[in-house]
C-alpha atoms as a PDB file:
ATOM      1  CA  MET A   1    -194.839 117.960-134.001  1.00  0.00           C
ATOM      2  CA  ILE A   2    -196.778 118.596-130.799  1.00  0.00           C
ATOM      3  CA  ASP A   3    -200.424 117.877-130.345  1.00  0.00           C
ATOM      4  CA  ALA A   4    -202.204 119.154-127.286  1.00  0.00           C
ATOM      5  CA  GLN A   5    -205.170 120.798-128.824  1.00  0.00           C
ATOM      6  CA  ASN A   6    -207.846 118.713-127.218  1.00  0.00           C
ATOM      7  CA  LYS A   7    -210.601 119.853-129.497  1.00  0.00           C
ATOM      8  CA  LEU A   8    -214.080 119.321-127.971  1.00  0.00           C
ATOM      9  CA  SER A   9    -215.509 118.081-131.054  1.00  0.00           C
ATOM     10  CA  PHE A  10    -212.538 115.125-131.355  1.00  0.00           C
ATOM     11  CA  HIS A  11    -213.300 114.145-128.060  1.00  0.00           C
ATOM     12  CA  THR A  12    -217.081 113.991-128.512  1.00  0.00           C
ATOM     13  CA  ILE A  13    -216.535 111.748-131.780  1.00  0.00           C
ATOM     14  CA  ILE A  14    -214.305 109.383-129.903  1.00  0.00           C
ATOM     15  CA  ALA A  15    -216.437 109.314-126.829  1.00  0.00           C
ATOM     16  CA  VAL A  16    -219.534 108.559-129.005  1.00  0.00           C
ATOM     17  CA  ALA A  17    -217.814 106.171-131.278  1.00  0.00           C
ATOM     18  CA  THR A  18    -216.396 103.952-128.214  1.00  0.00           C
ATOM     19  CA  PHE A  19    -219.391 103.842-126.347  1.00  0.00           C
ATOM     20  CA  LEU A  20    -221.499 102.635-129.187  1.00  0.00           C
ATOM     21  CA  ALA A  21    -218.855 100.112-129.992  1.00  0.00           C
ATOM     22  CA  VAL A  22    -219.465  99.026-126.487  1.00  0.00           C
ATOM     23  CA  LEU A  23    -223.353  99.137-126.025  1.00  0.00           C
ATOM     24  CA  ILE A  24    -224.213  98.177-129.676  1.00  0.00           C
ATOM     25  CA  PRO A  25    -222.868  94.583-129.557  1.00  0.00           C
ATOM     26  CA  TRP A  26    -223.961  94.045-126.181  1.00  0.00           C
ATOM     27  CA  PHE A  27    -227.628  95.195-127.097  1.00  0.00           C
ATOM     28  CA  PHE A  28    -228.001  93.207-129.825  1.00  0.00           C
ATOM     29  CA  THR A  29    -226.516  89.983-128.143  1.00  0.00           C
ATOM     30  CA  VAL A  30    -228.456  89.889-124.895  1.00  0.00           C
ATOM     31  CA  ASP A  31    -232.117  88.983-124.521  1.00  0.00           C
ATOM     32  CA  GLU A  32    -232.839  91.725-122.068  1.00  0.00           C
ATOM     33  CA  ILE A  33    -231.708  94.793-120.505  1.00  0.00           C
ATOM     34  CA  SER A  34    -230.091  93.544-117.216  1.00  0.00           C
ATOM     35  CA  PHE A  35    -226.795  93.517-115.568  1.00  0.00           C
ATOM     36  CA  THR A  36    -226.294  89.880-114.769  1.00  0.00           C
ATOM     37  CA  SER A  37    -222.713  88.617-114.338  1.00  0.00           C
ATOM     38  CA  GLU A  38    -222.707  86.809-117.580  1.00  0.00           C
ATOM     39  CA  LYS A  39    -223.725  90.062-119.142  1.00  0.00           C
ATOM     40  CA  ILE A  40    -221.180  92.047-117.319  1.00  0.00           C
ATOM     41  CA  LEU A  41    -218.532  89.755-118.459  1.00  0.00           C
ATOM     42  CA  LEU A  42    -219.849  90.235-122.115  1.00  0.00           C
ATOM     43  CA  MET A  43    -219.603  93.892-121.857  1.00  0.00           C
ATOM     44  CA  SER A  44    -216.071  93.648-120.050  1.00  0.00           C
ATOM     45  CA  ARG A  45    -214.993  91.933-123.196  1.00  0.00           C
ATOM     46  CA  ALA A  46    -215.647  95.097-125.264  1.00  0.00           C
ATOM     47  CA  VAL A  47    -214.584  97.411-122.675  1.00  0.00           C
ATOM     48  CA  GLY A  48    -211.059  95.653-122.864  1.00  0.00           C
ATOM     49  CA  ALA A  49    -210.763  95.611-126.471  1.00  0.00           C
ATOM     50  CA  ILE A  50    -211.481  99.515-126.880  1.00  0.00           C
ATOM     51  CA  PRO A  51    -208.394 100.797-125.133  1.00  0.00           C
ATOM     52  CA  PHE A  52    -206.191  98.576-126.946  1.00  0.00           C
ATOM     53  CA  PHE A  53    -207.834  99.737-130.442  1.00  0.00           C
ATOM     54  CA  LEU A  54    -207.289 103.189-129.231  1.00  0.00           C
ATOM     55  CA  LEU A  55    -203.573 102.578-128.498  1.00  0.00           C
ATOM     56  CA  PHE A  56    -203.142 100.886-131.857  1.00  0.00           C
ATOM     57  CA  LEU A  57    -204.321 104.090-133.680  1.00  0.00           C
ATOM     58  CA  VAL A  58    -202.002 106.114-131.535  1.00  0.00           C
ATOM     59  CA  MET A  59    -198.955 103.763-132.286  1.00  0.00           C
ATOM     60  CA  ILE A  60    -199.588 103.563-136.129  1.00  0.00           C
ATOM     61  CA  ILE A  61    -200.364 107.265-136.951  1.00  0.00           C
ATOM     62  CA  GLY A  62    -196.731 108.564-136.832  1.00  0.00           C
ATOM     63  CA  PRO A  63    -195.199 105.776-138.808  1.00  0.00           C
ATOM     64  CA  ILE A  64    -198.191 105.903-141.593  1.00  0.00           C
ATOM     65  CA  MET A  65    -197.560 109.741-142.054  1.00  0.00           C
ATOM     66  CA  LYS A  66    -193.856 108.997-142.368  1.00  0.00           C
ATOM     67  CA  LEU A  67    -194.313 106.302-144.895  1.00  0.00           C
ATOM     68  CA  PHE A  68    -197.009 107.820-146.834  1.00  0.00           C
ATOM     69  CA  PRO A  69    -196.588 111.684-146.583  1.00  0.00           C
ATOM     70  CA  VAL A  70    -198.359 112.344-149.924  1.00  0.00           C
ATOM     71  CA  LEU A  71    -201.722 111.131-148.629  1.00  0.00           C
ATOM     72  CA  PHE A  72    -201.824 113.891-145.528  1.00  0.00           C
ATOM     73  CA  PRO A  73    -200.686 117.442-146.609  1.00  0.00           C
ATOM     74  CA  LYS A  74    -204.291 118.396-148.349  1.00  0.00           C
ATOM     75  CA  TRP A  75    -205.693 117.203-144.746  1.00  0.00           C
ATOM     76  CA  GLY A  76    -203.556 119.512-142.890  1.00  0.00           C
ATOM     77  CA  ASP A  77    -202.469 117.768-139.409  1.00  0.00           C
ATOM     78  CA  PHE A  78    -204.808 114.912-139.865  1.00  0.00           C
ATOM     79  CA  PRO A  79    -204.409 112.474-138.607  1.00  0.00           C
ATOM     80  CA  TRP A  80    -201.670 113.871-135.918  1.00  0.00           C
ATOM     81  CA  ASN A  81    -203.819 116.272-134.471  1.00  0.00           C
ATOM     82  CA  TRP A  82    -205.989 113.315-133.307  1.00  0.00           C
ATOM     83  CA  ARG A  83    -203.174 111.488-131.059  1.00  0.00           C
ATOM     84  CA  ALA A  84    -204.018 113.701-127.874  1.00  0.00           C
ATOM     85  CA  GLU A  85    -207.696 113.085-127.768  1.00  0.00           C
ATOM     86  CA  LEU A  86    -207.130 109.331-128.762  1.00  0.00           C
ATOM     87  CA  GLY A  87    -204.546 108.944-126.006  1.00  0.00           C
ATOM     88  CA  ILE A  88    -206.721 110.493-123.314  1.00  0.00           C
ATOM     89  CA  TRP A  89    -209.647 108.342-124.088  1.00  0.00           C
ATOM     90  CA  PHE A  90    -207.272 105.213-123.989  1.00  0.00           C
ATOM     91  CA  ALA A  91    -206.650 106.381-120.385  1.00  0.00           C
ATOM     92  CA  VAL A  92    -210.418 106.667-119.775  1.00  0.00           C
ATOM     93  CA  TRP A  93    -211.192 103.399-121.274  1.00  0.00           C
ATOM     94  CA  SER A  94    -208.251 101.536-119.576  1.00  0.00           C
ATOM     95  CA  VAL A  95    -209.548 102.705-116.096  1.00  0.00           C
ATOM     96  CA  ILE A  96    -212.963 101.553-116.993  1.00  0.00           C
ATOM     97  CA  HIS A  97    -211.613  98.285-118.014  1.00  0.00           C
ATOM     98  CA  THR A  98    -209.790  97.980-114.741  1.00  0.00           C
ATOM     99  CA  LEU A  99    -213.015  98.916-112.831  1.00  0.00           C
ATOM    100  CA  PHE A 100    -214.723  96.191-114.580  1.00  0.00           C
ATOM    101  CA  VAL A 101    -211.810  93.787-113.485  1.00  0.00           C
ATOM    102  CA  PHE A 102    -212.250  94.994-109.898  1.00  0.00           C
ATOM    103  CA  ALA A 103    -216.097  94.315-110.264  1.00  0.00           C
ATOM    104  CA  GLY A 104    -215.396  90.685-111.534  1.00  0.00           C
ATOM    105  CA  ARG A 105    -213.588  90.030-108.207  1.00  0.00           C
ATOM    106  CA  ASP A 106    -216.477  91.736-106.377  1.00  0.00           C
ATOM    107  CA  TRP A 107    -214.268  94.670-105.456  1.00  0.00           C
ATOM    108  CA  ASP A 108    -211.788  92.658-103.574  1.00  0.00           C
ATOM    109  CA  VAL A 109    -209.082  95.011-104.777  1.00  0.00           C
ATOM    110  CA  VAL A 110    -206.520  94.253-102.093  1.00  0.00           C
ATOM    111  CA  GLY A 111    -206.877  90.346-102.487  1.00  0.00           C
ATOM    112  CA  TYR A 112    -206.660  90.887-106.310  1.00  0.00           C
ATOM    113  CA  LEU A 113    -203.415  93.020-106.080  1.00  0.00           C
ATOM    114  CA  LEU A 114    -201.844  90.657-103.667  1.00  0.00           C
ATOM    115  CA  ASN A 115    -202.492  87.857-106.294  1.00  0.00           C
ATOM    116  CA  ILE A 116    -201.930  89.607-109.319  1.00  0.00           C
ATOM    117  CA  ASN A 117    -199.621  88.122-112.131  1.00  0.00           C
ATOM    118  CA  PRO A 118    -196.794  90.032-113.622  1.00  0.00           C
ATOM    119  CA  TRP A 119    -198.667  90.564-116.873  1.00  0.00           C
ATOM    120  CA  ALA A 120    -201.711  91.826-115.463  1.00  0.00           C
ATOM    121  CA  PHE A 121    -199.635  94.156-113.018  1.00  0.00           C
ATOM    122  CA  GLY A 122    -198.014  95.659-115.923  1.00  0.00           C
ATOM    123  CA  ALA A 123    -201.123  96.436-117.385  1.00  0.00           C
ATOM    124  CA  LEU A 124    -202.083  98.162-114.239  1.00  0.00           C
ATOM    125  CA  VAL A 125    -198.916 100.010-114.409  1.00  0.00           C
ATOM    126  CA  ALA A 126    -199.574 100.985-118.113  1.00  0.00           C
ATOM    127  CA  THR A 127    -203.033 102.373-116.862  1.00  0.00           C
ATOM    128  CA  VAL A 128    -201.352 104.468-114.208  1.00  0.00           C
ATOM    129  CA  MET A 129    -198.896 105.813-116.826  1.00  0.00           C
ATOM    130  CA  ALA A 130    -201.550 106.429-119.145  1.00  0.00           C
ATOM    131  CA  VAL A 131    -203.518 108.564-116.691  1.00  0.00           C
ATOM    132  CA  ILE A 132    -200.289 110.539-115.912  1.00  0.00           C
ATOM    133  CA  LEU A 133    -200.089 111.067-119.794  1.00  0.00           C
ATOM    134  CA  ALA A 134    -203.640 112.196-120.082  1.00  0.00           C
ATOM    135  CA  ALA A 135    -203.018 114.703-117.205  1.00  0.00           C
ATOM    136  CA  LEU A 136    -200.152 116.255-118.989  1.00  0.00           C
ATOM    137  CA  SER A 137    -201.879 116.312-122.441  1.00  0.00           C
ATOM    138  CA  PHE A 138    -202.592 120.177-122.241  1.00  0.00           C
ATOM    139  CA  ARG A 139    -200.885 123.247-123.355  1.00  0.00           C
ATOM    140  CA  GLY A 140    -200.486 124.467-119.711  1.00  0.00           C
ATOM    141  CA  ALA A 141    -198.312 121.286-119.145  1.00  0.00           C
ATOM    142  CA  ILE A 142    -196.105 121.834-122.193  1.00  0.00           C
ATOM    143  CA  ASN A 143    -195.620 125.564-121.071  1.00  0.00           C
ATOM    144  CA  TYR A 144    -194.485 124.202-117.529  1.00  0.00           C
ATOM    145  CA  LEU A 145    -192.313 121.340-118.469  1.00  0.00           C
ATOM    146  CA  GLY A 146    -190.889 122.729-121.548  1.00  0.00           C
ATOM    147  CA  SER A 147    -191.539 121.319-125.256  1.00  0.00           C
ATOM    148  CA  ASP A 148    -188.598 118.789-125.126  1.00  0.00           C
ATOM    149  CA  SER A 149    -189.269 117.428-121.741  1.00  0.00           C
ATOM    150  CA  TRP A 150    -193.048 117.111-122.605  1.00  0.00           C
ATOM    151  CA  LYS A 151    -192.254 115.386-125.613  1.00  0.00           C
ATOM    152  CA  TRP A 152    -189.722 113.037-124.102  1.00  0.00           C
ATOM    153  CA  ILE A 153    -192.239 112.116-121.181  1.00  0.00           C
ATOM    154  CA  GLN A 154    -195.046 111.541-123.866  1.00  0.00           C
ATOM    155  CA  ASN A 155    -193.016 109.576-126.454  1.00  0.00           C
ATOM    156  CA  TYR A 156    -191.214 107.482-123.721  1.00  0.00           C
ATOM    157  CA  PHE A 157    -194.323 106.681-121.684  1.00  0.00           C
ATOM    158  CA  THR A 158    -196.419 105.784-124.847  1.00  0.00           C
ATOM    159  CA  TYR A 159    -193.812 103.171-125.938  1.00  0.00           C
ATOM    160  CA  VAL A 160    -193.567 101.660-122.531  1.00  0.00           C
ATOM    161  CA  ILE A 161    -197.302 101.545-122.364  1.00  0.00           C
ATOM    162  CA  TRP A 162    -197.696  99.867-125.467  1.00  0.00           C
ATOM    163  CA  TRP A 163    -195.245  96.942-124.757  1.00  0.00           C
ATOM    164  CA  LEU A 164    -196.630  96.496-121.190  1.00  0.00           C
ATOM    165  CA  VAL A 165    -200.231  96.474-122.894  1.00  0.00           C
ATOM    166  CA  VAL A 166    -198.922  93.848-125.499  1.00  0.00           C
ATOM    167  CA  VAL A 167    -197.704  91.432-123.095  1.00  0.00           C
ATOM    168  CA  HIS A 168    -201.090  91.611-121.183  1.00  0.00           C
ATOM    169  CA  VAL A 169    -202.945  91.078-124.317  1.00  0.00           C
ATOM    170  CA  ILE A 170    -200.873  88.100-125.511  1.00  0.00           C
ATOM    171  CA  ASP A 171    -200.978  86.463-121.914  1.00  0.00           C
ATOM    172  CA  ARG A 172    -205.064  87.088-121.649  1.00  0.00           C
ATOM    173  CA  ALA A 173    -206.094  86.623-125.418  1.00  0.00           C
ATOM    174  CA  LEU A 174    -203.816  84.509-126.833  1.00  0.00           C
ATOM    175  CA  LEU A 175    -201.888  82.130-124.233  1.00  0.00           C
ATOM    176  CA  ARG A 176    -204.771  81.521-121.645  1.00  0.00           C
ATOM    177  CA  PRO A 177    -207.486  79.997-124.153  1.00  0.00           C
ATOM    178  CA  GLY A 178    -204.750  77.918-125.726  1.00  0.00           C
ATOM    179  CA  PHE A 179    -203.382  78.645-129.101  1.00  0.00           C
ATOM    180  CA  PRO A 180    -204.387  78.732-131.904  1.00  0.00           C
ATOM    181  CA  SER A 181    -207.529  80.813-130.640  1.00  0.00           C
ATOM    182  CA  ASP A 182    -211.034  80.085-131.987  1.00  0.00           C
ATOM    183  CA  ASP A 183    -211.832  83.595-131.124  1.00  0.00           C
ATOM    184  CA  TRP A 184    -211.596  85.991-134.251  1.00  0.00           C
ATOM    185  CA  LEU A 185    -210.950  88.939-131.808  1.00  0.00           C
ATOM    186  CA  HIS A 186    -207.791  87.382-130.473  1.00  0.00           C
ATOM    187  CA  TRP A 187    -206.425  87.128-134.184  1.00  0.00           C
ATOM    188  CA  VAL A 188    -207.293  90.638-134.720  1.00  0.00           C
ATOM    189  CA  TYR A 189    -205.229  91.410-131.609  1.00  0.00           C
ATOM    190  CA  LEU A 190    -202.420  89.487-132.881  1.00  0.00           C
ATOM    191  CA  ALA A 191    -202.451  91.208-136.250  1.00  0.00           C
ATOM    192  CA  MET A 192    -202.277  94.580-134.369  1.00  0.00           C
ATOM    193  CA  VAL A 193    -199.365  93.484-132.127  1.00  0.00           C
ATOM    194  CA  ILE A 194    -197.370  92.463-135.426  1.00  0.00           C
ATOM    195  CA  ILE A 195    -198.458  95.468-137.646  1.00  0.00           C
ATOM    196  CA  VAL A 196    -197.060  98.256-134.900  1.00  0.00           C
ATOM    197  CA  PRO A 197    -193.500  97.183-134.924  1.00  0.00           C
ATOM    198  CA  LEU A 198    -193.477  96.329-138.802  1.00  0.00           C
ATOM    199  CA  LEU A 199    -194.742 100.031-139.472  1.00  0.00           C
ATOM    200  CA  GLN A 200    -192.148 101.501-136.794  1.00  0.00           C
ATOM    201  CA  LEU A 201    -189.323  99.477-138.280  1.00  0.00           C
ATOM    202  CA  ALA A 202    -190.360 100.599-141.958  1.00  0.00           C
ATOM    203  CA  GLY A 203    -190.690 104.253-140.640  1.00  0.00           C
ATOM    204  CA  PHE A 204    -187.211 103.947-139.107  1.00  0.00           C
ATOM    205  CA  ILE A 205    -185.639 102.474-142.238  1.00  0.00           C
ATOM    206  CA  LYS A 206    -187.221 105.270-144.560  1.00  0.00           C
ATOM    207  CA  THR A 207    -185.671 108.154-142.117  1.00  0.00           C
ATOM    208  CA  VAL A 208    -182.298 106.351-142.269  1.00  0.00           C
ATOM    209  CA  LYS A 209    -182.433 106.309-145.983  1.00  0.00           C
ATOM    210  CA  GLU A 210    -183.898 109.984-146.331  1.00  0.00           C
ATOM    211  CA  TYR A 211    -180.960 110.953-143.815  1.00  0.00           C
ATOM    212  CA  ARG A 212    -178.246 109.185-146.009  1.00  0.00           C
ATOM    213  CA  LYS A 213    -179.551 110.626-149.302  1.00  0.00           C
ATOM    214  CA  SER A 214    -179.570 114.233-147.809  1.00  0.00           C
ATOM    215  CA  LEU A 215    -176.008 113.552-146.623  1.00  0.00           C
ATOM    216  CA  ARG A 216    -174.688 112.342-150.182  1.00  0.00           C
ATOM    217  CA  GLU A 217    -176.370 115.258-151.789  1.00  0.00           C
ATOM    218  CA  LYS A 218    -174.813 117.549-149.374  1.00  0.00           C
ATOM    219  CA  GLN A 219    -171.423 115.951-149.924  1.00  0.00           C
ATOM    220  CA  GLU A 220    -171.976 116.383-153.699  1.00  0.00           C
ATOM    221  CA  ASN A 221    -172.902 119.998-153.521  1.00  0.00           C
ATOM    222  CA  ASN A 222    -169.796 120.581-151.201  1.00  0.00           C
ATOM    223  CA  LYS A 223    -167.466 118.889-153.779  1.00  0.00           C
ATOM    224  CA  GLU A 224    -169.053 120.973-156.623  1.00  0.00           C
ATOM    225  CA  GLY A 225    -168.620 124.411-154.581  1.00  0.00           C
ATOM    226  CA  ASP A 226    -164.983 123.449-153.857  1.00  0.00           C
ATOM    227  CA  GLN A 227    -164.384 122.868-157.703  1.00  0.00           C
ATOM    228  CA  GLY A 228    -166.258 126.082-158.510  1.00  0.00           C
END
């Protein structure tokens, strides 16, 4: 199944929801509307969370539809038809998060890159890959590359991006402050990191079971045909 519709209404909903998710907590936490370094750090925390939540949604849509197909036929292609828009906004927010990181280093981008740790470098690579996928998330790219090539790069890049981001999140949210963390958001991150592979594994097991069942039915039908 290919999703490259990029509906304006979907983009608008995601854009508004994510910007509100960043601004509302910040607005009710700060005493006054000013961009001090402390308040920028607070906003940066939210900006770092948004792309991971969007990527989490992209990763669980397929397995959930596989595991619980009865829930979705009446809704058409939902939620599959949201994946392109969610992926594009993951790329947008990843770039914004990267800019916040650079701003936190007083825009010493060269110095930051020269001293970057492997996990942050992996996240930076993931951001570049996400931007590439966002640029290819249009019907024209499918027509140029061909559907098989387009699906290959989308699937391959998405899984690589997920694991690069997971390693970065574990490093920044769970290992740096010490474990166990006293930040509830870090525990949400950990749950998301666990849920995705569990859902993927469950979807894989169901796919194998369905294949084995269809194979047995085919063999039984062939036997009945031979006997007839």
